[in-house]
Protein backbone atom coordinates (compact mmCIF):
# COMPACT_ATOMS: atom_id res chain seq x y z
CA MET A 1 -16.82 5.33 -15.65
CA SER A 2 -13.18 5.76 -15.04
CA ASP A 3 -11.26 7.92 -17.63
CA GLY A 4 -7.82 6.02 -16.88
CA PHE A 5 -6.33 8.85 -14.82
CA ARG A 6 -5.95 8.80 -11.02
CA LYS A 7 -7.18 11.76 -9.16
CA CYS A 8 -4.65 13.74 -7.01
CA ILE A 9 -5.16 13.30 -3.33
CA SER A 10 -3.63 15.70 -0.82
CA LYS A 11 -2.09 14.38 2.59
CA GLU A 12 -4.92 16.39 4.32
CA ASP A 13 -7.76 14.60 2.04
CA ALA A 14 -6.11 11.43 2.86
CA ASN A 15 -5.87 11.76 6.59
CA GLU A 16 -9.37 13.11 6.54
CA ALA A 17 -10.66 9.91 4.75
CA PHE A 18 -8.83 7.52 7.26
CA ASP A 19 -10.32 9.64 10.17
CA LYS A 20 -13.80 9.38 8.67
CA TYR A 21 -13.48 5.46 8.12
CA LYS A 22 -12.01 5.10 11.66
CA LYS A 23 -15.09 6.93 13.15
CA GLN A 24 -17.64 4.78 11.37
CA GLY A 25 -15.94 1.85 13.08
CA ASN A 26 -14.70 0.01 10.13
CA ILE A 27 -11.54 -2.19 10.14
CA LEU A 28 -9.05 -1.89 7.27
CA PRO A 29 -7.44 -5.23 5.89
CA CYS A 30 -4.00 -4.16 6.87
CA GLN A 31 -5.26 -3.79 10.55
CA LEU A 32 -5.95 -7.52 10.56
CA MET A 33 -2.35 -8.64 9.45
CA PRO A 34 0.90 -8.38 11.14
CA GLN A 35 2.81 -4.90 10.57
CA GLN A 36 6.08 -6.35 9.53
CA MET A 37 4.54 -7.76 6.38
CA PHE A 38 4.12 -4.31 5.23
CA MET A 39 7.43 -3.07 6.36
CA GLN A 40 9.84 -5.04 4.42
CA ARG A 41 11.97 -4.20 1.17
CA VAL A 42 10.88 -5.77 -2.08
CA HIS A 43 13.89 -6.88 -3.88
CA ILE A 44 15.12 -9.54 -6.12
CA SER A 45 16.92 -11.68 -3.47
CA MET A 46 14.07 -12.09 -1.18
CA THR A 47 13.35 -15.35 0.45
CA THR A 48 10.28 -17.38 -0.38
CA LEU A 49 8.71 -16.46 2.90
CA GLN A 50 9.37 -12.69 2.37
CA ALA A 51 7.79 -12.95 -1.15
CA TYR A 52 4.81 -14.71 0.33
CA ASP A 53 4.51 -11.90 2.93
CA ALA A 54 4.67 -9.35 0.30
CA TYR A 55 2.15 -10.88 -2.02
CA ALA A 56 -0.39 -11.21 0.98
CA ALA A 57 0.44 -7.56 1.82
CA ALA A 58 -0.31 -6.44 -1.82
CA ASN A 59 -3.49 -8.62 -1.92
CA ALA A 60 -4.72 -7.00 1.31
CA CYS A 61 -4.08 -3.48 -0.29
CA LYS A 62 -5.88 -4.48 -3.46
CA VAL A 63 -9.27 -4.82 -1.88
CA CYS A 64 -8.84 -1.77 0.59
CA PRO A 65 -10.98 1.21 0.14
CA LEU A 66 -8.45 3.71 1.13
CA ARG A 67 -5.56 2.22 -1.23
CA GLU A 68 -5.02 5.58 -2.92
CA GLN A 69 -5.18 7.55 0.17
CA CYS A 70 -2.65 5.18 1.80
CA GLU A 71 -0.38 5.46 -1.11
CA VAL A 72 -0.20 9.44 -0.88
CA LEU A 73 0.68 9.08 2.82
CA GLY A 74 3.41 6.60 2.21
CA LYS A 75 5.19 8.78 -0.46
CA SER A 76 7.47 10.17 1.89
CA GLU A 77 8.34 7.01 3.68
CA PRO A 78 11.55 5.18 2.58
CA VAL A 79 10.63 1.50 3.16
CA GLY A 80 7.23 -0.42 3.21
CA MET A 81 4.17 -1.07 1.29
CA TRP A 82 1.74 1.70 1.38
CA GLY A 83 -1.47 1.22 -0.66
CA GLY A 84 0.03 -1.69 -2.61
CA VAL A 85 3.08 0.33 -3.54
CA SER A 86 6.33 -1.05 -2.42
CA ARG A 87 8.93 1.78 -1.71
CA TRP A 88 12.57 0.86 -1.68
CA PHE A 89 15.07 3.56 -1.30
CA TRP A 90 12.57 6.29 -2.77
CA LYS A 91 13.47 5.33 -6.31
CA ASN A 92 12.25 2.05 -6.95
CA VAL A 93 8.42 2.25 -6.84
CA ARG A 94 6.41 -0.96 -7.73
CA ARG A 95 2.64 -1.05 -7.82
CA CYS A 96 2.19 -4.70 -6.77
CA TYR A 97 -1.48 -4.55 -7.29
CA GLU A 98 -1.48 -3.53 -10.78
CA ASP A 99 0.68 -6.37 -12.16
CA ASP A 100 3.87 -4.64 -12.05
CA TRP A 101 5.10 -7.46 -9.91
CA PRO A 102 7.44 -8.85 -8.65
CA PHE A 103 9.89 -6.71 -10.75
């Protein structure tokens, strides 16, 4: 049962989780999609195609077992979708998979 709070994950724990997942021979949803779908800025003047790509990336993150670990690793990245969180110039953070979408 969840208490509503997200647990804190360190970068070391996140990297360890990815290594363990890879050693088990598993494939993440983002590995089956083009990388550029995750590396775009999410903003109000997106084209329809860009918005569809962003939704597809967010849906892949939504079902990923390592979503929270990916979000931790992406905190220092200026652009891109990391664990379903769109980062745009560090200050505009949107959790795309928690209905805080599109803006």
